[in-house]
Amino acid sequence: MTIEEIIRNLVTKLSNLEADAYSIDKVLGDDFGIDSLDLVELIMSCEREFGILIHDEELSLNHTPAQLTELVKSKISEKNMA
């Protein structure tokens, strides 16, 4: 599975939306209905899945799955350079 596919699965699971309603450009809070507790769960799931650390202030309900994907890729890159 790719990073994009994993994030898609995590977001659709938390939002209870059908997979065909998913778009990488939709906003986590407004479009997916993810609340602050869901956001914490999403961050923790990404951390577990990818072995990275995401600080709370790095992701908000105003971000999109595309932005989350880029953040995860950046964190993986940082981890691999260390």
Protein backbone atom coordinates (compact mmCIF):
# COMPACT_ATOMS: atom_id res chain seq x y z
CA MET A 1 0.00 0.00 0.00
CA THR A 2 1.20 3.50 -0.76
CA ILE A 3 1.27 6.38 1.72
CA GLU A 4 -1.67 7.94 -0.13
CA GLU A 5 -3.72 4.74 0.12
CA ILE A 6 -3.02 4.34 3.82
CA ILE A 7 -4.01 7.95 4.54
CA ARG A 8 -7.13 7.52 2.42
CA ASN A 9 -8.11 4.47 4.49
CA LEU A 10 -7.45 6.26 7.78
CA VAL A 11 -9.41 9.38 6.80
CA THR A 12 -12.41 7.50 5.37
CA LYS A 13 -12.53 5.25 8.44
CA LEU A 14 -12.59 8.24 10.82
CA SER A 15 -15.07 10.22 8.75
CA ASN A 16 -17.46 7.33 8.06
CA LEU A 17 -17.64 8.47 4.44
CA GLU A 18 -17.83 6.12 1.51
CA ALA A 19 -14.53 5.68 -0.31
CA ASP A 20 -15.95 7.29 -3.46
CA ALA A 21 -16.66 10.54 -1.52
CA TYR A 22 -12.95 10.88 -0.71
CA SER A 23 -10.87 13.61 -2.33
CA ILE A 24 -7.31 14.59 -1.45
CA ASP A 25 -8.28 18.26 -1.73
CA LYS A 26 -11.19 18.21 0.73
CA VAL A 27 -10.66 19.78 4.15
CA LEU A 28 -10.43 17.34 7.07
CA GLY A 29 -12.76 19.30 9.35
CA ASP A 30 -15.38 20.88 7.10
CA ASP A 31 -15.59 18.33 4.30
CA PHE A 32 -14.90 15.08 6.14
CA GLY A 33 -16.55 16.05 9.43
CA ILE A 34 -13.45 15.14 11.42
CA ASP A 35 -13.41 16.78 14.86
CA SER A 36 -10.50 17.53 17.18
CA LEU A 37 -10.59 14.09 18.83
CA ASP A 38 -10.65 12.40 15.43
CA LEU A 39 -7.68 14.55 14.41
CA VAL A 40 -5.68 13.32 17.42
CA GLU A 41 -6.59 9.75 16.48
CA LEU A 42 -5.55 10.40 12.87
CA ILE A 43 -2.19 11.79 14.00
CA MET A 44 -1.60 8.82 16.31
CA SER A 45 -2.57 6.36 13.57
CA CYS A 46 -0.13 7.98 11.14
CA GLU A 47 2.61 7.92 13.78
CA ARG A 48 2.06 4.19 14.40
CA GLU A 49 1.67 3.28 10.74
CA PHE A 50 4.73 5.16 9.50
CA GLY A 51 6.97 5.19 12.60
CA ILE A 52 7.11 8.99 12.73
CA LEU A 53 6.31 11.79 15.18
CA ILE A 54 3.82 14.49 14.22
CA HIS A 55 3.47 17.44 16.58
CA ASP A 56 -0.11 18.58 17.21
CA GLU A 57 0.54 22.03 15.77
CA GLU A 58 1.72 20.54 12.44
CA LEU A 59 -1.76 19.38 11.43
CA SER A 60 -5.14 21.06 11.85
CA LEU A 61 -8.74 20.52 10.84
CA ASN A 62 -8.14 23.04 8.03
CA HIS A 63 -5.63 20.76 6.30
CA THR A 64 -6.37 18.34 3.47
CA PRO A 65 -5.33 14.71 2.99
CA ALA A 66 -2.90 15.97 0.32
CA GLN A 67 -1.20 18.18 2.93
CA LEU A 68 -1.15 15.31 5.42
CA THR A 69 0.46 13.08 2.79
CA GLU A 70 3.19 15.65 2.18
CA LEU A 71 3.75 16.02 5.93
CA VAL A 72 4.08 12.24 6.34
CA LYS A 73 6.49 11.99 3.40
CA SER A 74 8.58 14.81 4.90
CA LYS A 75 8.67 13.10 8.31
CA ILE A 76 9.67 9.77 6.76
CA SER A 77 12.44 11.54 4.85
CA GLU A 78 13.67 13.23 8.05
CA LYS A 79 13.62 9.88 9.86
CA ASN A 80 15.61 8.19 7.10
CA MET A 81 18.25 10.95 7.13
CA ALA A 82 18.81 10.63 10.88
